[in-house]
């Protein structure tokens, strides 16, 4: 399992988002990581482009019979997930220990 910790507070810049997308693809396609946990504890803002990359990652992980989990998502971002119904697509957990336990069940 791979845990990805975002260190930036804002994920808005197009070049940054492209880089994140490439790193996600490399994790799944090249490194063949099946189970990925994204820890959003530092993230305060996500652009719509970043949401698109997360959707693509979910598809890639599922295509490789893996699981994607997310944790520590701030209420402001959860609101966006709820409005866009992405909270139904993603497996979102309150914190890292809960998300890690979910991989085992």
PDB file of N, CA and C in Angstrom:
ATOM      1  N   UNK A   1       0.842  -1.171   0.000  1.00  0.00           N
ATOM      2  CA  UNK A   1       0.000   0.000   0.000  1.00  0.00           C
ATOM      3  C   UNK A   1       0.893   1.242   0.000  1.00  0.00           C
ATOM      4  N   UNK A   2       0.417   2.274  -0.669  1.00  0.00           N
ATOM      5  CA  UNK A   2       1.144   3.529  -0.761  1.00  0.00           C
ATOM      6  C   UNK A   2       0.306   4.641  -0.142  1.00  0.00           C
ATOM      7  N   UNK A   3       0.933   5.420   0.744  1.00  0.00           N
ATOM      8  CA  UNK A   3       0.269   6.577   1.342  1.00  0.00           C
ATOM      9  C   UNK A   3       0.860   7.829   0.709  1.00  0.00           C
ATOM     10  N   UNK A   4       0.000   8.656   0.138  1.00  0.00           N
ATOM     11  CA  UNK A   4       0.422   9.916  -0.480  1.00  0.00           C
ATOM     12  C   UNK A   4      -0.021  11.053   0.431  1.00  0.00           C
ATOM     13  N   UNK A   5       0.955  11.827   0.892  1.00  0.00           N
ATOM     14  CA  UNK A   5       0.686  12.985   1.756  1.00  0.00           C
ATOM     15  C   UNK A   5       0.878  14.248   0.917  1.00  0.00           C
ATOM     16  N   UNK A   6      -0.173  15.016   0.742  1.00  0.00           N
ATOM     17  CA  UNK A   6      -0.053  16.293   0.040  1.00  0.00           C
ATOM     18  C   UNK A   6       0.485  17.323   1.023  1.00  0.00           C
ATOM     19  N   UNK A   7       1.530  18.030   0.625  1.00  0.00           N
ATOM     20  CA  UNK A   7       2.125  19.033   1.508  1.00  0.00           C
ATOM     21  C   UNK A   7       1.663  20.445   1.198  1.00  0.00           C
ATOM     22  N   UNK A   8       1.150  20.660  -0.009  1.00  0.00           N
ATOM     23  CA  UNK A   8       0.688  21.998  -0.390  1.00  0.00           C
ATOM     24  C   UNK A   8      -0.699  22.256   0.180  1.00  0.00           C
ATOM     25  N   UNK A   9      -0.919  23.496   0.607  1.00  0.00           N
ATOM     26  CA  UNK A   9      -2.232  23.880   1.129  1.00  0.00           C
ATOM     27  C   UNK A   9      -3.237  24.051  -0.003  1.00  0.00           C
ATOM     28  N   UNK A  10      -2.736  24.513  -1.157  1.00  0.00           N
ATOM     29  CA  UNK A  10      -3.608  24.775  -2.301  1.00  0.00           C
ATOM     30  C   UNK A  10      -3.114  23.973  -3.498  1.00  0.00           C
ATOM     31  N   UNK A  11      -4.015  23.237  -4.105  1.00  0.00           N
ATOM     32  CA  UNK A  11      -3.686  22.505  -5.326  1.00  0.00           C
ATOM     33  C   UNK A  11      -4.517  23.143  -6.429  1.00  0.00           C
ATOM     34  N   UNK A  12      -3.926  24.187  -7.009  1.00  0.00           N
ATOM     35  CA  UNK A  12      -4.654  25.022  -7.965  1.00  0.00           C
ATOM     36  C   UNK A  12      -3.933  25.196  -9.295  1.00  0.00           C
ATOM     37  N   UNK A  13      -2.618  25.251  -9.260  1.00  0.00           N
ATOM     38  CA  UNK A  13      -1.804  25.573 -10.426  1.00  0.00           C
ATOM     39  C   UNK A  13      -1.848  24.437 -11.457  1.00  0.00           C
ATOM     40  N   UNK A  14      -2.087  24.788 -12.721  1.00  0.00           N
ATOM     41  CA  UNK A  14      -2.216  23.777 -13.775  1.00  0.00           C
ATOM     42  C   UNK A  14      -0.975  22.904 -13.920  1.00  0.00           C
ATOM     43  N   UNK A  15       0.217  23.512 -13.862  1.00  0.00           N
ATOM     44  CA  UNK A  15       1.437  22.706 -14.013  1.00  0.00           C
ATOM     45  C   UNK A  15       1.605  21.759 -12.824  1.00  0.00           C
ATOM     46  N   UNK A  16       1.244  22.219 -11.643  1.00  0.00           N
ATOM     47  CA  UNK A  16       1.301  21.377 -10.443  1.00  0.00           C
ATOM     48  C   UNK A  16       0.325  20.203 -10.577  1.00  0.00           C
ATOM     49  N   UNK A  17      -0.857  20.481 -11.073  1.00  0.00           N
ATOM     50  CA  UNK A  17      -1.878  19.443 -11.232  1.00  0.00           C
ATOM     51  C   UNK A  17      -1.451  18.426 -12.291  1.00  0.00           C
ATOM     52  N   UNK A  18      -0.832  18.910 -13.371  1.00  0.00           N
ATOM     53  CA  UNK A  18      -0.324  17.992 -14.403  1.00  0.00           C
ATOM     54  C   UNK A  18       0.732  17.066 -13.810  1.00  0.00           C
ATOM     55  N   UNK A  19       1.609  17.634 -12.999  1.00  0.00           N
ATOM     56  CA  UNK A  19       2.663  16.841 -12.363  1.00  0.00           C
ATOM     57  C   UNK A  19       2.060  15.784 -11.428  1.00  0.00           C
ATOM     58  N   UNK A  20       1.064  16.183 -10.660  1.00  0.00           N
ATOM     59  CA  UNK A  20       0.386  15.242  -9.764  1.00  0.00           C
ATOM     60  C   UNK A  20      -0.241  14.110 -10.575  1.00  0.00           C
ATOM     61  N   UNK A  21      -0.891  14.461 -11.681  1.00  0.00           N
ATOM     62  CA  UNK A  21      -1.499  13.448 -12.542  1.00  0.00           C
ATOM     63  C   UNK A  21      -0.474  12.460 -13.078  1.00  0.00           C
ATOM     64  N   UNK A  22       0.696  12.969 -13.477  1.00  0.00           N
ATOM     65  CA  UNK A  22       1.757  12.099 -13.979  1.00  0.00           C
ATOM     66  C   UNK A  22       2.277  11.179 -12.880  1.00  0.00           C
ATOM     67  N   UNK A  23       2.401  11.728 -11.666  1.00  0.00           N
ATOM     68  CA  UNK A  23       2.867  10.914 -10.541  1.00  0.00           C
ATOM     69  C   UNK A  23       1.845   9.832 -10.190  1.00  0.00           C
ATOM     70  N   UNK A  24       0.569  10.171 -10.245  1.00  0.00           N
ATOM     71  CA  UNK A  24      -0.480   9.175  -9.997  1.00  0.00           C
ATOM     72  C   UNK A  24      -0.397   8.049 -11.022  1.00  0.00           C
ATOM     73  N   UNK A  25      -0.276   8.424 -12.291  1.00  0.00           N
ATOM     74  CA  UNK A  25      -0.197   7.425 -13.356  1.00  0.00           C
ATOM     75  C   UNK A  25       1.023   6.531 -13.166  1.00  0.00           C
ATOM     76  N   UNK A  26       2.152   7.133 -12.808  1.00  0.00           N
ATOM     77  CA  UNK A  26       3.369   6.349 -12.582  1.00  0.00           C
ATOM     78  C   UNK A  26       3.184   5.370 -11.425  1.00  0.00           C
ATOM     79  N   UNK A  27       2.528   5.810 -10.368  1.00  0.00           N
ATOM     80  CA  UNK A  27       2.278   4.922  -9.221  1.00  0.00           C
ATOM     81  C   UNK A  27       1.510   3.676  -9.648  1.00  0.00           C
ATOM     82  N   UNK A  28       0.470   3.892 -10.421  1.00  0.00           N
ATOM     83  CA  UNK A  28      -0.416   2.785 -10.792  1.00  0.00           C
ATOM     84  C   UNK A  28       0.155   1.970 -11.950  1.00  0.00           C
ATOM     85  N   UNK A  29       0.591   2.641 -12.993  1.00  0.00           N
ATOM     86  CA  UNK A  29       1.004   1.955 -14.218  1.00  0.00           C
ATOM     87  C   UNK A  29       2.413   1.369 -14.117  1.00  0.00           C
ATOM     88  N   UNK A  30       3.373   2.175 -13.655  1.00  0.00           N
ATOM     89  CA  UNK A  30       4.763   1.728 -13.643  1.00  0.00           C
ATOM     90  C   UNK A  30       5.120   0.977 -12.364  1.00  0.00           C
ATOM     91  N   UNK A  31       4.765   1.554 -11.229  1.00  0.00           N
ATOM     92  CA  UNK A  31       5.123   0.935  -9.950  1.00  0.00           C
ATOM     93  C   UNK A  31       4.132  -0.150  -9.545  1.00  0.00           C
ATOM     94  N   UNK A  32       3.026  -0.217 -10.266  1.00  0.00           N
ATOM     95  CA  UNK A  32       1.974  -1.203 -10.038  1.00  0.00           C
ATOM     96  C   UNK A  32       1.475  -1.219  -8.590  1.00  0.00           C
ATOM     97  N   UNK A  33       1.297  -0.029  -8.052  1.00  0.00           N
ATOM     98  CA  UNK A  33       0.713   0.113  -6.716  1.00  0.00           C
ATOM     99  C   UNK A  33      -0.793  -0.045  -6.854  1.00  0.00           C
ATOM    100  N   UNK A  34      -1.365  -0.979  -6.134  1.00  0.00           N
ATOM    101  CA  UNK A  34      -2.797  -1.244  -6.258  1.00  0.00           C
ATOM    102  C   UNK A  34      -3.617  -0.477  -5.238  1.00  0.00           C
ATOM    103  N   UNK A  35      -3.114  -0.382  -4.021  1.00  0.00           N
ATOM    104  CA  UNK A  35      -3.862   0.277  -2.956  1.00  0.00           C
ATOM    105  C   UNK A  35      -3.186   1.591  -2.599  1.00  0.00           C
ATOM    106  N   UNK A  36      -3.951   2.671  -2.727  1.00  0.00           N
ATOM    107  CA  UNK A  36      -3.400   4.009  -2.513  1.00  0.00           C
ATOM    108  C   UNK A  36      -4.291   4.767  -1.546  1.00  0.00           C
ATOM    109  N   UNK A  37      -3.645   5.389  -0.567  1.00  0.00           N
ATOM    110  CA  UNK A  37      -4.333   6.258   0.389  1.00  0.00           C
ATOM    111  C   UNK A  37      -3.840   7.678   0.164  1.00  0.00           C
ATOM    112  N   UNK A  38      -4.765   8.587  -0.089  1.00  0.00           N
ATOM    113  CA  UNK A  38      -4.436  10.001  -0.246  1.00  0.00           C
ATOM    114  C   UNK A  38      -4.799  10.725   1.042  1.00  0.00           C
ATOM    115  N   UNK A  39      -3.790  11.313   1.688  1.00  0.00           N
ATOM    116  CA  UNK A  39      -3.991  12.041   2.940  1.00  0.00           C
ATOM    117  C   UNK A  39      -4.041  13.535   2.622  1.00  0.00           C
ATOM    118  N   UNK A  40      -5.190  14.145   2.839  1.00  0.00           N
ATOM    119  CA  UNK A  40      -5.410  15.552   2.511  1.00  0.00           C
ATOM    120  C   UNK A  40      -5.308  16.472   3.726  1.00  0.00           C
ATOM    121  N   UNK A  41      -4.621  16.064   4.772  1.00  0.00           N
ATOM    122  CA  UNK A  41      -4.626  16.828   6.023  1.00  0.00           C
ATOM    123  C   UNK A  41      -4.126  18.262   5.870  1.00  0.00           C
ATOM    124  N   UNK A  42      -3.240  18.528   4.918  1.00  0.00           N
ATOM    125  CA  UNK A  42      -2.712  19.884   4.733  1.00  0.00           C
ATOM    126  C   UNK A  42      -3.475  20.692   3.687  1.00  0.00           C
ATOM    127  N   UNK A  43      -4.316  20.039   2.909  1.00  0.00           N
ATOM    128  CA  UNK A  43      -4.947  20.683   1.752  1.00  0.00           C
ATOM    129  C   UNK A  43      -6.187  21.476   2.166  1.00  0.00           C
ATOM    130  N   UNK A  44      -6.198  22.752   1.756  1.00  0.00           N
ATOM    131  CA  UNK A  44      -7.333  23.633   2.041  1.00  0.00           C
ATOM    132  C   UNK A  44      -8.174  23.928   0.803  1.00  0.00           C
ATOM    133  N   UNK A  45      -7.544  23.881  -0.379  1.00  0.00           N
ATOM    134  CA  UNK A  45      -8.236  24.204  -1.628  1.00  0.00           C
ATOM    135  C   UNK A  45      -7.823  23.234  -2.723  1.00  0.00           C
ATOM    136  N   UNK A  46      -8.806  22.817  -3.531  1.00  0.00           N
ATOM    137  CA  UNK A  46      -8.570  21.987  -4.712  1.00  0.00           C
ATOM    138  C   UNK A  46      -9.266  22.634  -5.897  1.00  0.00           C
ATOM    139  N   UNK A  47      -8.599  22.674  -7.038  1.00  0.00           N
ATOM    140  CA  UNK A  47      -9.250  23.196  -8.242  1.00  0.00           C
ATOM    141  C   UNK A  47     -10.089  22.099  -8.884  1.00  0.00           C
ATOM    142  N   UNK A  48     -10.923  22.496  -9.833  1.00  0.00           N
ATOM    143  CA  UNK A  48     -11.729  21.505 -10.556  1.00  0.00           C
ATOM    144  C   UNK A  48     -10.829  20.575 -11.367  1.00  0.00           C
ATOM    145  N   UNK A  49      -9.697  21.087 -11.841  1.00  0.00           N
ATOM    146  CA  UNK A  49      -8.745  20.233 -12.568  1.00  0.00           C
ATOM    147  C   UNK A  49      -8.181  19.154 -11.654  1.00  0.00           C
ATOM    148  N   UNK A  50      -7.929  19.514 -10.407  1.00  0.00           N
ATOM    149  CA  UNK A  50      -7.428  18.532  -9.438  1.00  0.00           C
ATOM    150  C   UNK A  50      -8.478  17.451  -9.197  1.00  0.00           C
ATOM    151  N   UNK A  51      -9.739  17.847  -9.140  1.00  0.00           N
ATOM    152  CA  UNK A  51     -10.814  16.862  -8.976  1.00  0.00           C
ATOM    153  C   UNK A  51     -10.819  15.879 -10.147  1.00  0.00           C
ATOM    154  N   UNK A  52     -10.589  16.405 -11.343  1.00  0.00           N
ATOM    155  CA  UNK A  52     -10.518  15.550 -12.525  1.00  0.00           C
ATOM    156  C   UNK A  52      -9.407  14.523 -12.420  1.00  0.00           C
ATOM    157  N   UNK A  53      -8.260  14.932 -11.899  1.00  0.00           N
ATOM    158  CA  UNK A  53      -7.135  14.001 -11.721  1.00  0.00           C
ATOM    159  C   UNK A  53      -7.483  12.921 -10.704  1.00  0.00           C
ATOM    160  N   UNK A  54      -8.217  13.298  -9.665  1.00  0.00           N
ATOM    161  CA  UNK A  54      -8.627  12.314  -8.656  1.00  0.00           C
ATOM    162  C   UNK A  54      -9.588  11.285  -9.259  1.00  0.00           C
ATOM    163  N   UNK A  55     -10.490  11.754 -10.109  1.00  0.00           N
ATOM    164  CA  UNK A  55     -11.422  10.842 -10.785  1.00  0.00           C
ATOM    165  C   UNK A  55     -10.646   9.877 -11.682  1.00  0.00           C
ATOM    166  N   UNK A  56      -9.669  10.407 -12.420  1.00  0.00           N
ATOM    167  CA  UNK A  56      -8.844   9.551 -13.280  1.00  0.00           C
ATOM    168  C   UNK A  56      -8.078   8.520 -12.461  1.00  0.00           C
ATOM    169  N   UNK A  57      -7.549   8.952 -11.313  1.00  0.00           N
ATOM    170  CA  UNK A  57      -6.814   8.026 -10.457  1.00  0.00           C
ATOM    171  C   UNK A  57      -7.724   6.904  -9.975  1.00  0.00           C
ATOM    172  N   UNK A  58      -8.931   7.254  -9.565  1.00  0.00           N
ATOM    173  CA  UNK A  58      -9.902   6.238  -9.125  1.00  0.00           C
ATOM    174  C   UNK A  58     -10.123   5.207 -10.232  1.00  0.00           C
ATOM    175  N   UNK A  59     -10.286   5.668 -11.466  1.00  0.00           N
ATOM    176  CA  UNK A  59     -10.502   4.759 -12.599  1.00  0.00           C
ATOM    177  C   UNK A  59      -9.285   3.868 -12.837  1.00  0.00           C
ATOM    178  N   UNK A  60      -8.087   4.460 -12.779  1.00  0.00           N
ATOM    179  CA  UNK A  60      -6.859   3.692 -13.000  1.00  0.00           C
ATOM    180  C   UNK A  60      -6.685   2.617 -11.933  1.00  0.00           C
ATOM    181  N   UNK A  61      -6.907   2.995 -10.686  1.00  0.00           N
ATOM    182  CA  UNK A  61      -6.738   2.047  -9.582  1.00  0.00           C
ATOM    183  C   UNK A  61      -7.729   0.891  -9.725  1.00  0.00           C
ATOM    184  N   UNK A  62      -8.981   1.204 -10.025  1.00  0.00           N
ATOM    185  CA  UNK A  62      -9.989   0.148 -10.194  1.00  0.00           C
ATOM    186  C   UNK A  62      -9.651  -0.757 -11.377  1.00  0.00           C
ATOM    187  N   UNK A  63      -9.117  -0.181 -12.446  1.00  0.00           N
ATOM    188  CA  UNK A  63      -8.745  -0.973 -13.620  1.00  0.00           C
ATOM    189  C   UNK A  63      -7.644  -1.980 -13.296  1.00  0.00           C
ATOM    190  N   UNK A  64      -6.859  -1.692 -12.257  1.00  0.00           N
ATOM    191  CA  UNK A  64      -5.787  -2.592 -11.828  1.00  0.00           C
ATOM    192  C   UNK A  64      -6.203  -3.404 -10.592  1.00  0.00           C
ATOM    193  N   UNK A  65      -7.500  -3.491 -10.367  1.00  0.00           N
ATOM    194  CA  UNK A  65      -8.063  -4.255  -9.238  1.00  0.00           C
ATOM    195  C   UNK A  65      -7.564  -3.767  -7.887  1.00  0.00           C
ATOM    196  N   UNK A  66      -7.351  -2.463  -7.788  1.00  0.00           N
ATOM    197  CA  UNK A  66      -6.895  -1.888  -6.529  1.00  0.00           C
ATOM    198  C   UNK A  66      -7.979  -1.085  -5.847  1.00  0.00           C
ATOM    199  N   UNK A  67      -7.587  -0.448  -4.751  1.00  0.00           N
ATOM    200  CA  UNK A  67      -8.514   0.375  -3.983  1.00  0.00           C
ATOM    201  C   UNK A  67      -7.874   1.726  -3.699  1.00  0.00           C
ATOM    202  N   UNK A  68      -8.687   2.764  -3.807  1.00  0.00           N
ATOM    203  CA  UNK A  68      -8.259   4.121  -3.485  1.00  0.00           C
ATOM    204  C   UNK A  68      -9.057   4.585  -2.277  1.00  0.00           C
ATOM    205  N   UNK A  69      -8.363   5.112  -1.292  1.00  0.00           N
ATOM    206  CA  UNK A  69      -9.007   5.691  -0.112  1.00  0.00           C
ATOM    207  C   UNK A  69      -8.486   7.113   0.054  1.00  0.00           C
ATOM    208  N   UNK A  70      -9.295   7.946   0.687  1.00  0.00           N
ATOM    209  CA  UNK A  70      -8.903   9.322   0.998  1.00  0.00           C
ATOM    210  C   UNK A  70      -9.181   9.573   2.467  1.00  0.00           C
ATOM    211  N   UNK A  71      -8.357  10.433   3.074  1.00  0.00           N
ATOM    212  CA  UNK A  71      -8.578  10.744   4.488  1.00  0.00           C
ATOM    213  C   UNK A  71      -8.259  12.203   4.776  1.00  0.00           C
ATOM    214  N   UNK A  72      -8.741  12.635   5.935  1.00  0.00           N
ATOM    215  CA  UNK A  72      -8.458  13.977   6.463  1.00  0.00           C
ATOM    216  C   UNK A  72      -8.875  15.092   5.510  1.00  0.00           C
ATOM    217  N   UNK A  73     -10.039  14.961   4.930  1.00  0.00           N
ATOM    218  CA  UNK A  73     -10.522  15.987   4.010  1.00  0.00           C
ATOM    219  C   UNK A  73     -11.273  17.045   4.802  1.00  0.00           C
ATOM    220  N   UNK A  74     -10.874  18.284   4.608  1.00  0.00           N
ATOM    221  CA  UNK A  74     -11.482  19.402   5.344  1.00  0.00           C
ATOM    222  C   UNK A  74     -12.942  19.595   4.933  1.00  0.00           C
ATOM    223  N   UNK A  75     -13.736  20.159   5.843  1.00  0.00           N
ATOM    224  CA  UNK A  75     -15.168  20.351   5.560  1.00  0.00           C
ATOM    225  C   UNK A  75     -15.450  21.138   4.281  1.00  0.00           C
ATOM    226  N   UNK A  76     -14.622  22.148   3.984  1.00  0.00           N
ATOM    227  CA  UNK A  76     -14.843  22.955   2.772  1.00  0.00           C
ATOM    228  C   UNK A  76     -14.721  22.099   1.518  1.00  0.00           C
ATOM    229  N   UNK A  77     -13.744  21.197   1.530  1.00  0.00           N
ATOM    230  CA  UNK A  77     -13.533  20.329   0.372  1.00  0.00           C
ATOM    231  C   UNK A  77     -14.604  19.239   0.335  1.00  0.00           C
ATOM    232  N   UNK A  78     -14.986  18.731   1.502  1.00  0.00           N
ATOM    233  CA  UNK A  78     -16.060  17.726   1.558  1.00  0.00           C
ATOM    234  C   UNK A  78     -17.360  18.292   0.987  1.00  0.00           C
ATOM    235  N   UNK A  79     -17.581  19.577   1.224  1.00  0.00           N
ATOM    236  CA  UNK A  79     -18.784  20.222   0.688  1.00  0.00           C
ATOM    237  C   UNK A  79     -18.785  20.171  -0.838  1.00  0.00           C
ATOM    238  N   UNK A  80     -17.624  20.442  -1.430  1.00  0.00           N
ATOM    239  CA  UNK A  80     -17.494  20.371  -2.892  1.00  0.00           C
ATOM    240  C   UNK A  80     -17.720  18.933  -3.361  1.00  0.00           C
ATOM    241  N   UNK A  81     -17.148  17.973  -2.640  1.00  0.00           N
ATOM    242  CA  UNK A  81     -17.348  16.568  -2.993  1.00  0.00           C
ATOM    243  C   UNK A  81     -18.829  16.210  -2.933  1.00  0.00           C
ATOM    244  N   UNK A  82     -19.533  16.715  -1.930  1.00  0.00           N
ATOM    245  CA  UNK A  82     -20.963  16.416  -1.787  1.00  0.00           C
ATOM    246  C   UNK A  82     -21.777  17.049  -2.913  1.00  0.00           C
ATOM    247  N   UNK A  83     -21.478  18.302  -3.241  1.00  0.00           N
ATOM    248  CA  UNK A  83     -22.201  19.006  -4.304  1.00  0.00           C
ATOM    249  C   UNK A  83     -22.019  18.295  -5.648  1.00  0.00           C
ATOM    250  N   UNK A  84     -20.796  17.840  -5.899  1.00  0.00           N
ATOM    251  CA  UNK A  84     -20.483  17.181  -7.172  1.00  0.00           C
ATOM    252  C   UNK A  84     -20.749  15.674  -7.140  1.00  0.00           C
ATOM    253  N   UNK A  85     -21.221  15.187  -6.000  1.00  0.00           N
ATOM    254  CA  UNK A  85     -21.507  13.758  -5.791  1.00  0.00           C
ATOM    255  C   UNK A  85     -20.250  12.886  -5.808  1.00  0.00           C
ATOM    256  N   UNK A  86     -19.079  13.507  -5.708  1.00  0.00           N
ATOM    257  CA  UNK A  86     -17.841  12.734  -5.672  1.00  0.00           C
ATOM    258  C   UNK A  86     -17.694  11.971  -4.361  1.00  0.00           C
ATOM    259  N   UNK A  87     -18.421  12.405  -3.338  1.00  0.00           N
ATOM    260  CA  UNK A  87     -18.393  11.663  -2.076  1.00  0.00           C
ATOM    261  C   UNK A  87     -19.004  10.267  -2.245  1.00  0.00           C
ATOM    262  N   UNK A  88     -19.780  10.071  -3.300  1.00  0.00           N
ATOM    263  CA  UNK A  88     -20.348   8.750  -3.609  1.00  0.00           C
ATOM    264  C   UNK A  88     -19.344   7.888  -4.386  1.00  0.00           C
ATOM    265  N   UNK A  89     -18.475   8.540  -5.155  1.00  0.00           N
ATOM    266  CA  UNK A  89     -17.475   7.830  -5.955  1.00  0.00           C
ATOM    267  C   UNK A  89     -16.289   7.386  -5.104  1.00  0.00           C
ATOM    268  N   UNK A  90     -15.812   8.290  -4.256  1.00  0.00           N
ATOM    269  CA  UNK A  90     -14.601   8.035  -3.483  1.00  0.00           C
ATOM    270  C   UNK A  90     -14.909   7.409  -2.133  1.00  0.00           C
ATOM    271  N   UNK A  91     -13.980   6.592  -1.660  1.00  0.00           N
ATOM    272  CA  UNK A  91     -14.061   6.029  -0.309  1.00  0.00           C
ATOM    273  C   UNK A  91     -13.295   6.984   0.601  1.00  0.00           C
ATOM    274  N   UNK A  92     -14.034   7.794   1.342  1.00  0.00           N
ATOM    275  CA  UNK A  92     -13.448   8.849   2.167  1.00  0.00           C
ATOM    276  C   UNK A  92     -13.568   8.464   3.633  1.00  0.00           C
ATOM    277  N   UNK A  93     -12.447   8.515   4.338  1.00  0.00           N
ATOM    278  CA  UNK A  93     -12.397   8.173   5.761  1.00  0.00           C
ATOM    279  C   UNK A  93     -11.950   9.392   6.563  1.00  0.00           C
ATOM    280  N   UNK A  94     -12.299   9.389   7.842  1.00  0.00           N
ATOM    281  CA  UNK A  94     -11.986  10.539   8.694  1.00  0.00           C
ATOM    282  C   UNK A  94     -10.493  10.762   8.872  1.00  0.00           C
ATOM    283  N   UNK A  95      -9.739   9.691   9.080  1.00  0.00           N
ATOM    284  CA  UNK A  95      -8.309   9.845   9.345  1.00  0.00           C
ATOM    285  C   UNK A  95      -7.530   8.667   8.759  1.00  0.00           C
ATOM    286  N   UNK A  96      -6.207   8.763   8.851  1.00  0.00           N
ATOM    287  CA  UNK A  96      -5.334   7.746   8.259  1.00  0.00           C
ATOM    288  C   UNK A  96      -5.550   6.366   8.895  1.00  0.00           C
ATOM    289  N   UNK A  97      -5.582   6.249  10.235  1.00  0.00           N
ATOM    290  CA  UNK A  97      -5.788   4.910  10.807  1.00  0.00           C
ATOM    291  C   UNK A  97      -7.083   4.241  10.330  1.00  0.00           C
ATOM    292  N   UNK A  98      -8.154   5.009  10.245  1.00  0.00           N
ATOM    293  CA  UNK A  98      -9.424   4.447   9.768  1.00  0.00           C
ATOM    294  C   UNK A  98      -9.307   4.001   8.311  1.00  0.00           C
ATOM    295  N   UNK A  99      -8.637   4.815   7.496  1.00  0.00           N
ATOM    296  CA  UNK A  99      -8.465   4.473   6.080  1.00  0.00           C
ATOM    297  C   UNK A  99      -7.595   3.229   5.924  1.00  0.00           C
ATOM    298  N   UNK A 100      -6.531   3.139   6.711  1.00  0.00           N
ATOM    299  CA  UNK A 100      -5.661   1.964   6.646  1.00  0.00           C
ATOM    300  C   UNK A 100      -6.422   0.704   7.051  1.00  0.00           C
ATOM    301  N   UNK A 101      -7.237   0.813   8.084  1.00  0.00           N
ATOM    302  CA  UNK A 101      -8.036  -0.332   8.530  1.00  0.00           C
ATOM    303  C   UNK A 101      -9.026  -0.759   7.448  1.00  0.00           C
ATOM    304  N   UNK A 102      -9.534   0.204   6.687  1.00  0.00           N
ATOM    305  CA  UNK A 102     -10.503  -0.106   5.632  1.00  0.00           C
ATOM    306  C   UNK A 102      -9.880  -0.945   4.516  1.00  0.00           C
ATOM    307  N   UNK A 103      -8.581  -0.814   4.316  1.00  0.00           N
ATOM    308  CA  UNK A 103      -7.916  -1.638   3.302  1.00  0.00           C
ATOM    309  C   UNK A 103      -7.909  -3.108   3.715  1.00  0.00           C
ATOM    310  N   UNK A 104      -7.902  -3.350   5.009  1.00  0.00           N
ATOM    311  CA  UNK A 104      -7.806  -4.722   5.519  1.00  0.00           C
ATOM    312  C   UNK A 104      -9.150  -5.430   5.552  1.00  0.00           C
ATOM    313  N   UNK A 105     -10.224  -4.640   5.501  1.00  0.00           N
ATOM    314  CA  UNK A 105     -11.550  -5.267   5.597  1.00  0.00           C
ATOM    315  C   UNK A 105     -12.101  -5.650   4.239  1.00  0.00           C
TER     316      UNK A 105
END
